[in-house]
Amino acid sequence: MQVRFYGELNRYLPRAMRGRAARVLMPPSQPVLALLEIFGVPVAEIDLIVVGGEPVDFEYRLKADDRVSLYPRFRSIDLGPLALINRGRVV
């Protein structure tokens, strides 16, 4: 799968992965949560997960051809009706 971490989340990544998309190999059907554990990214730092252009939650089961984007907590941008994971709203 292809994974990209945005903004402040890059501080948890190896330098070679910062600020760009990278290919990541994982066993099939792992949840997004397992991806975060691999890189040591705290769940509380994630506000939005997008897979294939659609928002998903931490339990979404990853597939080999997924394109995953992970966004940090938004502090100064109003995203309107988007369901943000750590804001108590359901995706």
Protein backbone atom coordinates (compact mmCIF):
# COMPACT_ATOMS: atom_id res chain seq x y z
CA MET A 1 0.00 0.00 0.00
CA GLN A 2 1.01 3.60 -0.36
CA VAL A 3 1.01 5.72 2.81
CA ARG A 4 1.54 9.41 3.45
CA PHE A 5 1.64 11.15 6.80
CA TYR A 6 1.03 14.91 6.79
CA GLY A 7 2.17 17.84 8.89
CA GLU A 8 3.35 17.21 12.43
CA LEU A 9 2.99 13.44 12.00
CA ASN A 10 6.22 13.43 10.00
CA ARG A 11 8.26 13.81 13.20
CA TYR A 12 7.51 10.15 14.02
CA LEU A 13 8.80 8.85 10.69
CA PRO A 14 12.23 7.87 9.40
CA ARG A 15 13.74 10.76 7.43
CA ALA A 16 13.33 8.92 4.12
CA MET A 17 9.52 8.88 4.56
CA ARG A 18 8.98 12.46 5.71
CA GLY A 19 6.92 14.71 3.46
CA ARG A 20 6.19 12.11 0.78
CA ALA A 21 4.21 8.99 0.02
CA ALA A 22 5.95 5.68 0.66
CA ARG A 23 5.23 2.04 -0.07
CA VAL A 24 4.61 -0.01 3.06
CA LEU A 25 4.28 -3.78 3.19
CA MET A 26 2.02 -5.24 5.87
CA PRO A 27 0.23 -8.53 6.40
CA PRO A 28 -3.22 -8.52 4.73
CA SER A 29 -6.31 -7.13 6.45
CA GLN A 30 -4.50 -5.27 9.23
CA PRO A 31 -6.37 -2.29 10.70
CA VAL A 32 -5.07 1.25 10.26
CA LEU A 33 -4.25 1.11 13.96
CA ALA A 34 -1.52 -1.48 13.22
CA LEU A 35 0.05 0.94 10.74
CA LEU A 36 0.24 3.62 13.43
CA GLU A 37 1.83 1.16 15.84
CA ILE A 38 4.56 0.29 13.31
CA PHE A 39 5.65 3.93 13.12
CA GLY A 40 4.93 4.83 16.74
CA VAL A 41 2.39 7.49 15.84
CA PRO A 42 0.04 8.12 18.80
CA VAL A 43 -3.64 7.66 18.03
CA ALA A 44 -4.41 10.97 19.76
CA GLU A 45 -2.34 12.80 17.10
CA ILE A 46 -4.58 11.65 14.21
CA ASP A 47 -7.62 13.69 13.20
CA LEU A 48 -8.40 12.29 9.77
CA ILE A 49 -7.62 9.10 7.84
CA VAL A 50 -8.45 8.98 4.14
CA VAL A 51 -8.22 5.81 2.04
CA GLY A 52 -8.95 6.07 -1.66
CA GLY A 53 -10.49 9.52 -1.18
CA GLU A 54 -12.91 8.40 1.56
CA PRO A 55 -12.62 9.03 5.31
CA VAL A 56 -12.21 5.85 7.39
CA ASP A 57 -11.68 5.01 11.06
CA PHE A 58 -8.89 3.22 12.94
CA GLU A 59 -10.48 -0.19 12.42
CA TYR A 60 -10.55 0.03 8.61
CA ARG A 61 -8.86 -3.11 7.22
CA LEU A 62 -6.03 -2.19 4.87
CA LYS A 63 -5.60 -3.72 1.41
CA ALA A 64 -2.41 -4.02 -0.65
CA ASP A 65 -3.59 -1.47 -3.25
CA ASP A 66 -4.84 1.17 -0.76
CA ARG A 67 -3.62 4.77 -0.83
CA VAL A 68 -3.68 5.95 2.77
CA SER A 69 -3.37 9.57 3.92
CA LEU A 70 -3.09 10.38 7.61
CA TYR A 71 -3.61 13.92 8.90
CA PRO A 72 -2.69 15.41 12.28
CA ARG A 73 -5.07 17.20 14.62
CA PHE A 74 -6.37 20.31 12.91
CA ARG A 75 -5.89 23.30 15.15
CA SER A 76 -6.56 26.31 12.93
CA ILE A 77 -8.57 25.07 9.94
CA ASP A 78 -12.36 24.76 9.94
CA LEU A 79 -13.14 21.56 8.04
CA GLY A 80 -16.88 22.00 8.32
CA PRO A 81 -18.90 18.79 8.19
CA LEU A 82 -15.96 16.35 7.97
CA ALA A 83 -16.14 13.67 10.65
CA LEU A 84 -12.85 13.94 12.50
CA ILE A 85 -11.81 10.81 14.37
CA ASN A 86 -10.66 12.35 17.64
CA ARG A 87 -13.50 14.82 17.97
CA GLY A 88 -16.15 12.33 19.10
CA ARG A 89 -17.95 12.19 15.76
CA VAL A 90 -18.64 9.01 13.83
CA VAL A 91 -17.12 8.63 10.36
